[in-house]
């Protein structure tokens, strides 16, 4: 199942008990995440501070503060879905 229609910032697919992320905030990335990992990432995001994360040796994603709240909501919603807490 794709999340393209459900979420604005995160693009990826649910496969079994994992989520395969293809992009976040318009930055391409490939990653397989479980619910606990997505929750850990979301908890690191402070809604009032800019944040960055490194995808590989050449790519660092700088996320604008304006997107922090939405990214956190989407990460928690994906984790909930993986854990069967949402439709």
C-alpha atoms as a PDB file:
ATOM      1  CA  UNK A   1       0.000   0.000   0.000  1.00  0.00           C
ATOM      2  CA  UNK A   2       1.363   3.400  -0.957  1.00  0.00           C
ATOM      3  CA  UNK A   3       1.199   6.455   1.268  1.00  0.00           C
ATOM      4  CA  UNK A   4       1.354   8.889  -1.630  1.00  0.00           C
ATOM      5  CA  UNK A   5      -2.265   9.977  -1.144  1.00  0.00           C
ATOM      6  CA  UNK A   6      -2.216   9.951   2.653  1.00  0.00           C
ATOM      7  CA  UNK A   7       0.877  11.990   3.441  1.00  0.00           C
ATOM      8  CA  UNK A   8       2.294  15.268   2.157  1.00  0.00           C
ATOM      9  CA  UNK A   9       5.991  14.978   2.992  1.00  0.00           C
ATOM     10  CA  UNK A  10       6.893  11.293   3.241  1.00  0.00           C
ATOM     11  CA  UNK A  11       6.667   8.963   0.253  1.00  0.00           C
ATOM     12  CA  UNK A  12       6.992   5.204   0.538  1.00  0.00           C
ATOM     13  CA  UNK A  13       5.261   1.842   0.791  1.00  0.00           C
ATOM     14  CA  UNK A  14       4.129  -0.480   3.541  1.00  0.00           C
ATOM     15  CA  UNK A  15       5.431  -4.024   3.094  1.00  0.00           C
ATOM     16  CA  UNK A  16       4.546  -6.398   5.893  1.00  0.00           C
ATOM     17  CA  UNK A  17       5.737  -4.968   9.197  1.00  0.00           C
ATOM     18  CA  UNK A  18       8.101  -2.443   7.576  1.00  0.00           C
ATOM     19  CA  UNK A  19       7.886   0.851   5.749  1.00  0.00           C
ATOM     20  CA  UNK A  20      10.096   1.448   2.712  1.00  0.00           C
ATOM     21  CA  UNK A  21      10.697   5.187   2.501  1.00  0.00           C
ATOM     22  CA  UNK A  22      11.520   6.637  -0.921  1.00  0.00           C
ATOM     23  CA  UNK A  23      11.642  10.335  -0.061  1.00  0.00           C
ATOM     24  CA  UNK A  24      11.167  12.797   2.751  1.00  0.00           C
ATOM     25  CA  UNK A  25      10.580  16.519   2.262  1.00  0.00           C
ATOM     26  CA  UNK A  26      11.387  16.102  -1.433  1.00  0.00           C
ATOM     27  CA  UNK A  27      14.786  14.477  -0.818  1.00  0.00           C
ATOM     28  CA  UNK A  28      15.228  11.040  -2.338  1.00  0.00           C
ATOM     29  CA  UNK A  29      16.321   8.285   0.007  1.00  0.00           C
ATOM     30  CA  UNK A  30      15.985   4.562   0.357  1.00  0.00           C
ATOM     31  CA  UNK A  31      15.363   3.065   3.732  1.00  0.00           C
ATOM     32  CA  UNK A  32      13.487   0.257   5.418  1.00  0.00           C
ATOM     33  CA  UNK A  33      12.030   1.218   8.762  1.00  0.00           C
ATOM     34  CA  UNK A  34      10.111  -0.504  11.513  1.00  0.00           C
ATOM     35  CA  UNK A  35       7.689   1.305  13.816  1.00  0.00           C
ATOM     36  CA  UNK A  36      10.184   1.706  16.671  1.00  0.00           C
ATOM     37  CA  UNK A  37      12.765   3.308  14.393  1.00  0.00           C
ATOM     38  CA  UNK A  38      10.263   5.765  12.952  1.00  0.00           C
ATOM     39  CA  UNK A  39       9.139   6.738  16.446  1.00  0.00           C
ATOM     40  CA  UNK A  40      12.767   7.271  17.483  1.00  0.00           C
ATOM     41  CA  UNK A  41      13.365   9.595  14.537  1.00  0.00           C
ATOM     42  CA  UNK A  42      10.164  11.524  15.249  1.00  0.00           C
ATOM     43  CA  UNK A  43      11.102  12.022  18.906  1.00  0.00           C
ATOM     44  CA  UNK A  44      14.423  13.582  17.862  1.00  0.00           C
ATOM     45  CA  UNK A  45      12.684  16.357  15.926  1.00  0.00           C
ATOM     46  CA  UNK A  46      12.155  19.569  17.876  1.00  0.00           C
ATOM     47  CA  UNK A  47       9.350  21.536  16.239  1.00  0.00           C
ATOM     48  CA  UNK A  48      11.130  24.835  16.989  1.00  0.00           C
ATOM     49  CA  UNK A  49      14.623  23.926  15.761  1.00  0.00           C
ATOM     50  CA  UNK A  50      15.905  23.156  12.258  1.00  0.00           C
ATOM     51  CA  UNK A  51      17.281  19.674  11.813  1.00  0.00           C
ATOM     52  CA  UNK A  52      19.420  17.807   9.327  1.00  0.00           C
ATOM     53  CA  UNK A  53      20.213  14.173   8.753  1.00  0.00           C
ATOM     54  CA  UNK A  54      22.782  12.456   6.611  1.00  0.00           C
ATOM     55  CA  UNK A  55      21.581   9.982   4.032  1.00  0.00           C
ATOM     56  CA  UNK A  56      24.980   8.972   2.673  1.00  0.00           C
ATOM     57  CA  UNK A  57      28.498  10.413   2.362  1.00  0.00           C
ATOM     58  CA  UNK A  58      27.345  12.913  -0.262  1.00  0.00           C
ATOM     59  CA  UNK A  59      23.807  13.781   0.868  1.00  0.00           C
ATOM     60  CA  UNK A  60      22.616  15.674   3.914  1.00  0.00           C
ATOM     61  CA  UNK A  61      18.981  16.685   4.187  1.00  0.00           C
ATOM     62  CA  UNK A  62      18.273  20.055   5.808  1.00  0.00           C
ATOM     63  CA  UNK A  63      14.614  20.216   6.793  1.00  0.00           C
ATOM     64  CA  UNK A  64      13.007  23.648   7.172  1.00  0.00           C
ATOM     65  CA  UNK A  65      11.437  24.333  10.574  1.00  0.00           C
ATOM     66  CA  UNK A  66       8.060  24.811   8.883  1.00  0.00           C
ATOM     67  CA  UNK A  67       7.971  21.092   8.023  1.00  0.00           C
ATOM     68  CA  UNK A  68       8.960  19.718  11.438  1.00  0.00           C
ATOM     69  CA  UNK A  69       5.461  19.350  12.865  1.00  0.00           C
ATOM     70  CA  UNK A  70       4.100  17.680   9.707  1.00  0.00           C
ATOM     71  CA  UNK A  71       7.053  15.278   9.458  1.00  0.00           C
ATOM     72  CA  UNK A  72       6.621  14.249  13.103  1.00  0.00           C
ATOM     73  CA  UNK A  73       2.902  13.647  12.567  1.00  0.00           C
ATOM     74  CA  UNK A  74       3.544  11.559   9.459  1.00  0.00           C
ATOM     75  CA  UNK A  75       6.296   9.488  11.108  1.00  0.00           C
ATOM     76  CA  UNK A  76       4.055   8.723  14.098  1.00  0.00           C
ATOM     77  CA  UNK A  77       1.097   7.925  11.784  1.00  0.00           C
ATOM     78  CA  UNK A  78       3.214   5.482   9.756  1.00  0.00           C
ATOM     79  CA  UNK A  79       4.448   3.832  12.976  1.00  0.00           C
ATOM     80  CA  UNK A  80       0.854   3.550  14.212  1.00  0.00           C
ATOM     81  CA  UNK A  81      -0.184   1.909  10.954  1.00  0.00           C
ATOM     82  CA  UNK A  82       2.715  -0.563  11.170  1.00  0.00           C
ATOM     83  CA  UNK A  83       1.609  -1.472  14.690  1.00  0.00           C
ATOM     84  CA  UNK A  84      -2.008  -1.861  13.613  1.00  0.00           C
ATOM     85  CA  UNK A  85      -3.210   1.178  15.565  1.00  0.00           C
ATOM     86  CA  UNK A  86      -4.822   2.869  12.560  1.00  0.00           C
ATOM     87  CA  UNK A  87      -6.671   1.935   9.405  1.00  0.00           C
END
